[in-house]
Amino acid sequence: MAKRYSPTAEEADRLAIQNPDWPWDECWEIAKEIYGEE
């Protein structure tokens, strides 16, 4: 799955690195809440 660069994607990647046991999709949902992106 190609991700376009965005603050949300960067935050999701950061969360995924910090929390390797979290599914990436969950990290994405959290990042969307932080940045208010759809």
PDB file of N, CA and C in Angstrom:
ATOM      1  N   MET A   1       0.847  -1.195   0.000  1.00  0.00           N
ATOM      2  CA  MET A   1       0.000   0.000   0.000  1.00  0.00           C
ATOM      3  C   MET A   1       0.885   1.249   0.000  1.00  0.00           C
ATOM      4  N   ALA A   2       0.728   2.060  -1.011  1.00  0.00           N
ATOM      5  CA  ALA A   2       1.516   3.284  -1.098  1.00  0.00           C
ATOM      6  C   ALA A   2       0.869   4.365  -0.244  1.00  0.00           C
ATOM      7  N   LYS A   3       1.693   5.020   0.553  1.00  0.00           N
ATOM      8  CA  LYS A   3       1.195   6.114   1.374  1.00  0.00           C
ATOM      9  C   LYS A   3       1.789   7.408   0.835  1.00  0.00           C
ATOM     10  N   ARG A   4       0.926   8.400   0.631  1.00  0.00           N
ATOM     11  CA  ARG A   4       1.500   9.685   0.266  1.00  0.00           C
ATOM     12  C   ARG A   4       2.069  10.313   1.524  1.00  0.00           C
ATOM     13  N   TYR A   5       3.111  11.083   1.374  1.00  0.00           N
ATOM     14  CA  TYR A   5       3.727  11.700   2.535  1.00  0.00           C
ATOM     15  C   TYR A   5       2.764  12.694   3.174  1.00  0.00           C
ATOM     16  N   SER A   6       2.628  12.613   4.465  1.00  0.00           N
ATOM     17  CA  SER A   6       1.797  13.560   5.195  1.00  0.00           C
ATOM     18  C   SER A   6       2.208  13.518   6.653  1.00  0.00           C
ATOM     19  N   PRO A   7       1.873  14.553   7.413  1.00  0.00           N
ATOM     20  CA  PRO A   7       2.151  14.501   8.853  1.00  0.00           C
ATOM     21  C   PRO A   7       1.483  13.292   9.501  1.00  0.00           C
ATOM     22  N   THR A   8       0.304  12.925   9.007  1.00  0.00           N
ATOM     23  CA  THR A   8      -0.395  11.768   9.567  1.00  0.00           C
ATOM     24  C   THR A   8       0.400  10.493   9.335  1.00  0.00           C
ATOM     25  N   ALA A   9       0.893  10.312   8.115  1.00  0.00           N
ATOM     26  CA  ALA A   9       1.674   9.114   7.809  1.00  0.00           C
ATOM     27  C   ALA A   9       2.964   9.087   8.631  1.00  0.00           C
ATOM     28  N   GLU A  10       3.586  10.246   8.785  1.00  0.00           N
ATOM     29  CA  GLU A  10       4.823  10.307   9.563  1.00  0.00           C
ATOM     30  C   GLU A  10       4.554   9.945  11.023  1.00  0.00           C
ATOM     31  N   GLU A  11       3.455  10.472  11.569  1.00  0.00           N
ATOM     32  CA  GLU A  11       3.087  10.163  12.948  1.00  0.00           C
ATOM     33  C   GLU A  11       2.741   8.685  13.100  1.00  0.00           C
ATOM     34  N   ALA A  12       2.011   8.126  12.134  1.00  0.00           N
ATOM     35  CA  ALA A  12       1.661   6.711  12.192  1.00  0.00           C
ATOM     36  C   ALA A  12       2.926   5.849  12.193  1.00  0.00           C
ATOM     37  N   ASP A  13       3.886   6.199  11.353  1.00  0.00           N
ATOM     38  CA  ASP A  13       5.143   5.447  11.318  1.00  0.00           C
ATOM     39  C   ASP A  13       5.882   5.566  12.649  1.00  0.00           C
ATOM     40  N   ARG A  14       5.881   6.763  13.228  1.00  0.00           N
ATOM     41  CA  ARG A  14       6.553   6.971  14.509  1.00  0.00           C
ATOM     42  C   ARG A  14       5.898   6.118  15.588  1.00  0.00           C
ATOM     43  N   LEU A  15       4.561   6.110  15.619  1.00  0.00           N
ATOM     44  CA  LEU A  15       3.847   5.298  16.599  1.00  0.00           C
ATOM     45  C   LEU A  15       4.143   3.812  16.402  1.00  0.00           C
ATOM     46  N   ALA A  16       4.189   3.387  15.137  1.00  0.00           N
ATOM     47  CA  ALA A  16       4.437   1.977  14.844  1.00  0.00           C
ATOM     48  C   ALA A  16       5.831   1.557  15.316  1.00  0.00           C
ATOM     49  N   ILE A  17       6.802   2.451  15.183  1.00  0.00           N
ATOM     50  CA  ILE A  17       8.164   2.144  15.628  1.00  0.00           C
ATOM     51  C   ILE A  17       8.214   2.082  17.157  1.00  0.00           C
ATOM     52  N   GLN A  18       7.510   3.020  17.796  1.00  0.00           N
ATOM     53  CA  GLN A  18       7.528   3.054  19.263  1.00  0.00           C
ATOM     54  C   GLN A  18       6.733   1.904  19.868  1.00  0.00           C
ATOM     55  N   ASN A  19       5.736   1.410  19.130  1.00  0.00           N
ATOM     56  CA  ASN A  19       4.825   0.385  19.651  1.00  0.00           C
ATOM     57  C   ASN A  19       4.737  -0.775  18.662  1.00  0.00           C
ATOM     58  N   PRO A  20       5.801  -1.588  18.574  1.00  0.00           N
ATOM     59  CA  PRO A  20       5.859  -2.608  17.519  1.00  0.00           C
ATOM     60  C   PRO A  20       4.742  -3.643  17.596  1.00  0.00           C
ATOM     61  N   ASP A  21       4.081  -3.739  18.750  1.00  0.00           N
ATOM     62  CA  ASP A  21       2.996  -4.716  18.873  1.00  0.00           C
ATOM     63  C   ASP A  21       1.652  -4.157  18.414  1.00  0.00           C
ATOM     64  N   TRP A  22       1.595  -2.868  18.056  1.00  0.00           N
ATOM     65  CA  TRP A  22       0.359  -2.271  17.550  1.00  0.00           C
ATOM     66  C   TRP A  22       0.224  -2.534  16.055  1.00  0.00           C
ATOM     67  N   PRO A  23      -0.985  -2.868  15.590  1.00  0.00           N
ATOM     68  CA  PRO A  23      -1.197  -2.951  14.136  1.00  0.00           C
ATOM     69  C   PRO A  23      -0.993  -1.562  13.516  1.00  0.00           C
ATOM     70  N   TRP A  24      -0.419  -1.538  12.297  1.00  0.00           N
ATOM     71  CA  TRP A  24      -0.163  -0.240  11.670  1.00  0.00           C
ATOM     72  C   TRP A  24      -1.461   0.527  11.448  1.00  0.00           C
ATOM     73  N   ASP A  25      -2.533  -0.202  11.132  1.00  0.00           N
ATOM     74  CA  ASP A  25      -3.823   0.472  10.918  1.00  0.00           C
ATOM     75  C   ASP A  25      -4.278   1.211  12.165  1.00  0.00           C
ATOM     76  N   GLU A  26      -3.998   0.642  13.331  1.00  0.00           N
ATOM     77  CA  GLU A  26      -4.363   1.313  14.578  1.00  0.00           C
ATOM     78  C   GLU A  26      -3.529   2.581  14.755  1.00  0.00           C
ATOM     79  N   CYS A  27      -2.248   2.495  14.432  1.00  0.00           N
ATOM     80  CA  CYS A  27      -1.389   3.677  14.494  1.00  0.00           C
ATOM     81  C   CYS A  27      -1.919   4.769  13.567  1.00  0.00           C
ATOM     82  N   TRP A  28      -2.373   4.368  12.377  1.00  0.00           N
ATOM     83  CA  TRP A  28      -2.915   5.319  11.412  1.00  0.00           C
ATOM     84  C   TRP A  28      -4.146   6.016  11.976  1.00  0.00           C
ATOM     85  N   GLU A  29      -5.039   5.243  12.626  1.00  0.00           N
ATOM     86  CA  GLU A  29      -6.251   5.831  13.199  1.00  0.00           C
ATOM     87  C   GLU A  29      -5.905   6.844  14.290  1.00  0.00           C
ATOM     88  N   ILE A  30      -4.937   6.513  15.125  1.00  0.00           N
ATOM     89  CA  ILE A  30      -4.512   7.435  16.184  1.00  0.00           C
ATOM     90  C   ILE A  30      -3.917   8.695  15.558  1.00  0.00           C
ATOM     91  N   ALA A  31      -3.075   8.512  14.555  1.00  0.00           N
ATOM     92  CA  ALA A  31      -2.447   9.660  13.898  1.00  0.00           C
ATOM     93  C   ALA A  31      -3.499  10.551  13.239  1.00  0.00           C
ATOM     94  N   LYS A  32      -4.516   9.948  12.636  1.00  0.00           N
ATOM     95  CA  LYS A  32      -5.593  10.745  12.028  1.00  0.00           C
ATOM     96  C   LYS A  32      -6.293  11.593  13.083  1.00  0.00           C
ATOM     97  N   GLU A  33      -6.488  11.033  14.267  1.00  0.00           N
ATOM     98  CA  GLU A  33      -7.114  11.803  15.345  1.00  0.00           C
ATOM     99  C   GLU A  33      -6.222  12.969  15.760  1.00  0.00           C
ATOM    100  N   ILE A  34      -4.922  12.733  15.825  1.00  0.00           N
ATOM    101  CA  ILE A  34      -3.983  13.783  16.233  1.00  0.00           C
ATOM    102  C   ILE A  34      -4.002  14.927  15.219  1.00  0.00           C
ATOM    103  N   TYR A  35      -3.984  14.590  13.928  1.00  0.00           N
ATOM    104  CA  TYR A  35      -3.852  15.615  12.890  1.00  0.00           C
ATOM    105  C   TYR A  35      -5.171  16.005  12.247  1.00  0.00           C
ATOM    106  N   GLY A  36      -6.264  15.327  12.627  1.00  0.00           N
ATOM    107  CA  GLY A  36      -7.566  15.682  12.103  1.00  0.00           C
ATOM    108  C   GLY A  36      -7.703  15.452  10.613  1.00  0.00           C
ATOM    109  N   GLU A  37      -6.940  14.488  10.099  1.00  0.00           N
ATOM    110  CA  GLU A  37      -6.995  14.196   8.665  1.00  0.00           C
ATOM    111  C   GLU A  37      -8.012  13.100   8.401  1.00  0.00           C
ATOM    112  N   GLU A  38      -8.579  13.111   7.208  1.00  0.00           N
ATOM    113  CA  GLU A  38      -9.536  12.057   6.842  1.00  0.00           C
ATOM    114  C   GLU A  38      -8.828  10.922   6.139  1.00  0.00           C
TER     115      GLU A  38
END
